[in-house]
Amino acid sequence: MGENKSTNNFDWSKMIIGLALLLCAITLALIAVTLRPVAKWANLQTTCIEQESEKAPISWAVRKCNGRSKVYQIKEPMKNN
């Protein structure tokens, strides 16, 4: 009779650990799905930098692919007449 009592006993700690692991798995899946646009953007940046670095240094290619090439242009200093 002692064995029947132990087999019918429900182990709540295993149930809680199982639910916690399931929640962690769902959370990681959601993070992976939300990072997909960032991965797509990174692939496009890599392609752009590879193409632009054939014509210019890598630092300039990175600036150009980020849309900041005009910010880094060297401007002539204004001359006082």
N, C-alpha and C. Protein backbone atom coordinates (compact mmCIF):
# COMPACT_ATOMS: atom_id res chain seq x y z
N MET A 1 0.81 -1.20 0.00
CA MET A 1 0.00 0.00 0.00
C MET A 1 0.85 1.26 0.00
N GLY A 2 2.06 1.17 0.51
CA GLY A 2 2.94 2.33 0.52
C GLY A 2 3.33 2.76 -0.88
N GLU A 3 3.40 1.81 -1.80
CA GLU A 3 3.78 2.14 -3.17
C GLU A 3 2.65 2.86 -3.91
N ASN A 4 1.42 2.51 -3.67
CA ASN A 4 0.30 3.18 -4.32
C ASN A 4 0.26 4.66 -3.98
N LYS A 5 0.55 4.98 -2.75
CA LYS A 5 0.51 6.38 -2.32
C LYS A 5 1.59 7.19 -3.03
N SER A 6 2.79 6.63 -3.22
CA SER A 6 3.87 7.37 -3.87
C SER A 6 3.65 7.50 -5.37
N THR A 7 2.99 6.56 -6.02
CA THR A 7 2.75 6.66 -7.46
C THR A 7 1.62 7.64 -7.76
N ASN A 8 0.70 7.82 -6.86
CA ASN A 8 -0.41 8.76 -7.08
C ASN A 8 -0.03 10.19 -6.72
N ASN A 9 1.06 10.36 -6.03
CA ASN A 9 1.50 11.70 -5.60
C ASN A 9 1.96 12.47 -6.83
N PHE A 10 1.41 13.66 -7.02
CA PHE A 10 1.74 14.50 -8.17
C PHE A 10 2.91 15.41 -7.79
N ASP A 11 3.96 15.42 -8.61
CA ASP A 11 5.15 16.20 -8.30
C ASP A 11 5.01 17.60 -8.91
N TRP A 12 4.68 18.57 -8.07
CA TRP A 12 4.47 19.94 -8.53
C TRP A 12 5.76 20.61 -8.96
N SER A 13 6.87 20.26 -8.37
CA SER A 13 8.13 20.91 -8.74
C SER A 13 8.51 20.58 -10.19
N LYS A 14 8.29 19.34 -10.61
CA LYS A 14 8.58 18.99 -12.00
C LYS A 14 7.63 19.70 -12.96
N MET A 15 6.38 19.87 -12.52
CA MET A 15 5.40 20.58 -13.36
C MET A 15 5.80 22.05 -13.52
N ILE A 16 6.23 22.68 -12.45
CA ILE A 16 6.64 24.09 -12.51
C ILE A 16 7.89 24.25 -13.36
N ILE A 17 8.84 23.35 -13.21
CA ILE A 17 10.07 23.41 -14.01
C ILE A 17 9.73 23.20 -15.48
N GLY A 18 8.84 22.29 -15.79
CA GLY A 18 8.43 22.05 -17.17
C GLY A 18 7.77 23.26 -17.79
N LEU A 19 6.88 23.92 -17.03
CA LEU A 19 6.23 25.13 -17.53
C LEU A 19 7.22 26.27 -17.72
N ALA A 20 8.19 26.38 -16.81
CA ALA A 20 9.22 27.42 -16.94
C ALA A 20 10.06 27.19 -18.19
N LEU A 21 10.43 25.95 -18.45
CA LEU A 21 11.20 25.64 -19.66
C LEU A 21 10.39 25.92 -20.92
N LEU A 22 9.11 25.60 -20.90
CA LEU A 22 8.24 25.88 -22.04
C LEU A 22 8.14 27.39 -22.28
N LEU A 23 7.99 28.14 -21.20
CA LEU A 23 7.92 29.60 -21.31
C LEU A 23 9.23 30.16 -21.87
N CYS A 24 10.36 29.63 -21.43
CA CYS A 24 11.66 30.08 -21.96
C CYS A 24 11.78 29.76 -23.44
N ALA A 25 11.34 28.59 -23.85
CA ALA A 25 11.42 28.21 -25.27
C ALA A 25 10.55 29.12 -26.13
N ILE A 26 9.36 29.44 -25.65
CA ILE A 26 8.46 30.34 -26.41
C ILE A 26 9.07 31.73 -26.49
N THR A 27 9.65 32.20 -25.40
CA THR A 27 10.28 33.52 -25.40
C THR A 27 11.44 33.60 -26.37
N LEU A 28 12.28 32.58 -26.39
CA LEU A 28 13.42 32.56 -27.32
C LEU A 28 12.95 32.49 -28.77
N ALA A 29 11.87 31.77 -29.02
CA ALA A 29 11.33 31.71 -30.38
C ALA A 29 10.82 33.08 -30.81
N LEU A 30 10.15 33.80 -29.92
CA LEU A 30 9.67 35.15 -30.25
C LEU A 30 10.83 36.10 -30.50
N ILE A 31 11.90 35.99 -29.73
CA ILE A 31 13.07 36.84 -29.95
C ILE A 31 13.68 36.55 -31.32
N ALA A 32 13.77 35.28 -31.67
CA ALA A 32 14.34 34.91 -32.97
C ALA A 32 13.50 35.47 -34.12
N VAL A 33 12.18 35.44 -33.97
CA VAL A 33 11.30 35.96 -35.03
C VAL A 33 11.42 37.47 -35.13
N THR A 34 11.52 38.17 -34.00
CA THR A 34 11.60 39.63 -34.06
C THR A 34 12.96 40.12 -34.54
N LEU A 35 14.00 39.29 -34.46
CA LEU A 35 15.32 39.69 -34.95
C LEU A 35 15.51 39.42 -36.44
N ARG A 36 14.55 38.81 -37.09
CA ARG A 36 14.67 38.50 -38.51
C ARG A 36 14.86 39.76 -39.37
N PRO A 37 14.13 40.86 -39.15
CA PRO A 37 14.39 42.08 -39.95
C PRO A 37 15.80 42.63 -39.76
N VAL A 38 16.34 42.50 -38.56
CA VAL A 38 17.71 42.98 -38.31
C VAL A 38 18.70 42.13 -39.10
N ALA A 39 18.47 40.84 -39.17
CA ALA A 39 19.35 39.96 -39.94
C ALA A 39 19.28 40.30 -41.42
N LYS A 40 18.09 40.60 -41.91
CA LYS A 40 17.94 40.97 -43.32
C LYS A 40 18.70 42.27 -43.60
N TRP A 41 18.55 43.26 -42.70
CA TRP A 41 19.26 44.53 -42.87
C TRP A 41 20.77 44.31 -42.84
N ALA A 42 21.26 43.45 -41.95
CA ALA A 42 22.70 43.19 -41.85
C ALA A 42 23.22 42.55 -43.13
N ASN A 43 22.45 41.65 -43.72
CA ASN A 43 22.87 41.04 -44.99
C ASN A 43 22.93 42.08 -46.10
N LEU A 44 21.95 42.98 -46.14
CA LEU A 44 21.97 44.05 -47.15
C LEU A 44 23.17 44.98 -46.93
N GLN A 45 23.48 45.29 -45.67
CA GLN A 45 24.64 46.13 -45.38
C GLN A 45 25.93 45.46 -45.83
N THR A 46 26.05 44.17 -45.59
CA THR A 46 27.24 43.43 -46.00
C THR A 46 27.41 43.46 -47.51
N THR A 47 26.32 43.24 -48.22
CA THR A 47 26.37 43.28 -49.69
C THR A 47 26.77 44.66 -50.18
N CYS A 48 26.17 45.69 -49.60
CA CYS A 48 26.48 47.07 -50.00
C CYS A 48 27.94 47.39 -49.74
N ILE A 49 28.44 47.01 -48.58
CA ILE A 49 29.83 47.32 -48.22
C ILE A 49 30.80 46.57 -49.14
N GLU A 50 30.48 45.33 -49.46
CA GLU A 50 31.34 44.56 -50.37
C GLU A 50 31.40 45.22 -51.74
N GLN A 51 30.27 45.72 -52.23
CA GLN A 51 30.24 46.36 -53.54
C GLN A 51 30.96 47.71 -53.52
N GLU A 52 30.73 48.49 -52.48
CA GLU A 52 31.32 49.82 -52.41
C GLU A 52 32.81 49.79 -52.07
N SER A 53 33.26 48.76 -51.38
CA SER A 53 34.67 48.72 -51.00
C SER A 53 35.58 48.39 -52.18
N GLU A 54 34.99 47.98 -53.30
CA GLU A 54 35.80 47.78 -54.52
C GLU A 54 36.26 49.11 -55.08
N LYS A 55 35.46 50.18 -54.86
CA LYS A 55 35.76 51.50 -55.41
C LYS A 55 36.44 52.42 -54.41
N ALA A 56 36.25 52.17 -53.12
CA ALA A 56 36.74 53.09 -52.10
C ALA A 56 37.19 52.29 -50.88
N PRO A 57 37.84 52.96 -49.93
CA PRO A 57 38.23 52.25 -48.69
C PRO A 57 37.00 51.76 -47.92
N ILE A 58 37.21 50.77 -47.09
CA ILE A 58 36.09 50.17 -46.36
C ILE A 58 35.41 51.19 -45.45
N SER A 59 36.17 52.04 -44.82
CA SER A 59 35.56 53.03 -43.92
C SER A 59 34.59 53.94 -44.69
N TRP A 60 34.95 54.32 -45.89
CA TRP A 60 34.07 55.15 -46.70
C TRP A 60 32.85 54.34 -47.17
N ALA A 61 33.07 53.06 -47.49
CA ALA A 61 31.96 52.22 -47.92
C ALA A 61 30.94 52.06 -46.80
N VAL A 62 31.41 51.91 -45.58
CA VAL A 62 30.49 51.78 -44.43
C VAL A 62 29.69 53.06 -44.26
N ARG A 63 30.35 54.20 -44.36
CA ARG A 63 29.64 55.47 -44.22
C ARG A 63 28.61 55.64 -45.33
N LYS A 64 28.98 55.27 -46.54
CA LYS A 64 28.06 55.44 -47.66
C LYS A 64 26.86 54.51 -47.52
N CYS A 65 27.09 53.28 -47.10
CA CYS A 65 25.99 52.33 -46.95
C CYS A 65 25.07 52.70 -45.79
N ASN A 66 25.60 53.44 -44.82
CA ASN A 66 24.77 53.91 -43.71
C ASN A 66 24.04 55.19 -44.06
N GLY A 67 24.30 55.73 -45.24
CA GLY A 67 23.62 56.95 -45.66
C GLY A 67 24.23 58.21 -45.08
N ARG A 68 25.49 58.15 -44.66
CA ARG A 68 26.12 59.31 -44.04
C ARG A 68 27.31 59.83 -44.83
N SER A 69 27.39 59.49 -46.08
CA SER A 69 28.56 59.91 -46.85
C SER A 69 28.65 61.42 -46.98
N LYS A 70 27.52 62.12 -47.02
CA LYS A 70 27.54 63.58 -47.16
C LYS A 70 28.03 64.24 -45.87
N VAL A 71 27.79 63.61 -44.75
CA VAL A 71 28.22 64.18 -43.47
C VAL A 71 29.74 64.20 -43.38
N TYR A 72 30.38 63.21 -43.96
CA TYR A 72 31.83 63.07 -43.81
C TYR A 72 32.62 63.68 -44.97
N GLN A 73 31.96 64.37 -45.87
CA GLN A 73 32.69 64.99 -46.97
C GLN A 73 33.54 66.13 -46.43
N ILE A 74 34.73 66.26 -46.98
CA ILE A 74 35.62 67.34 -46.58
C ILE A 74 35.21 68.59 -47.35
N LYS A 75 34.92 69.63 -46.59
CA LYS A 75 34.49 70.89 -47.23
C LYS A 75 35.64 71.87 -47.20
N GLU A 76 35.67 72.70 -48.22
CA GLU A 76 36.67 73.75 -48.31
C GLU A 76 36.39 74.79 -47.23
N PRO A 77 37.42 75.24 -46.55
CA PRO A 77 37.19 76.32 -45.57
C PRO A 77 36.84 77.60 -46.29
N MET A 78 35.99 78.36 -45.66
CA MET A 78 35.56 79.63 -46.28
C MET A 78 36.72 80.64 -46.21
N LYS A 79 36.92 81.33 -47.32
CA LYS A 79 38.02 82.32 -47.39
C LYS A 79 37.47 83.71 -47.12
N ASN A 80 38.19 84.45 -46.32
CA ASN A 80 37.82 85.84 -46.07
C ASN A 80 38.46 86.72 -47.13
N ASN A 81 37.68 87.50 -47.83
CA ASN A 81 38.21 88.38 -48.87
C ASN A 81 38.60 89.71 -48.32
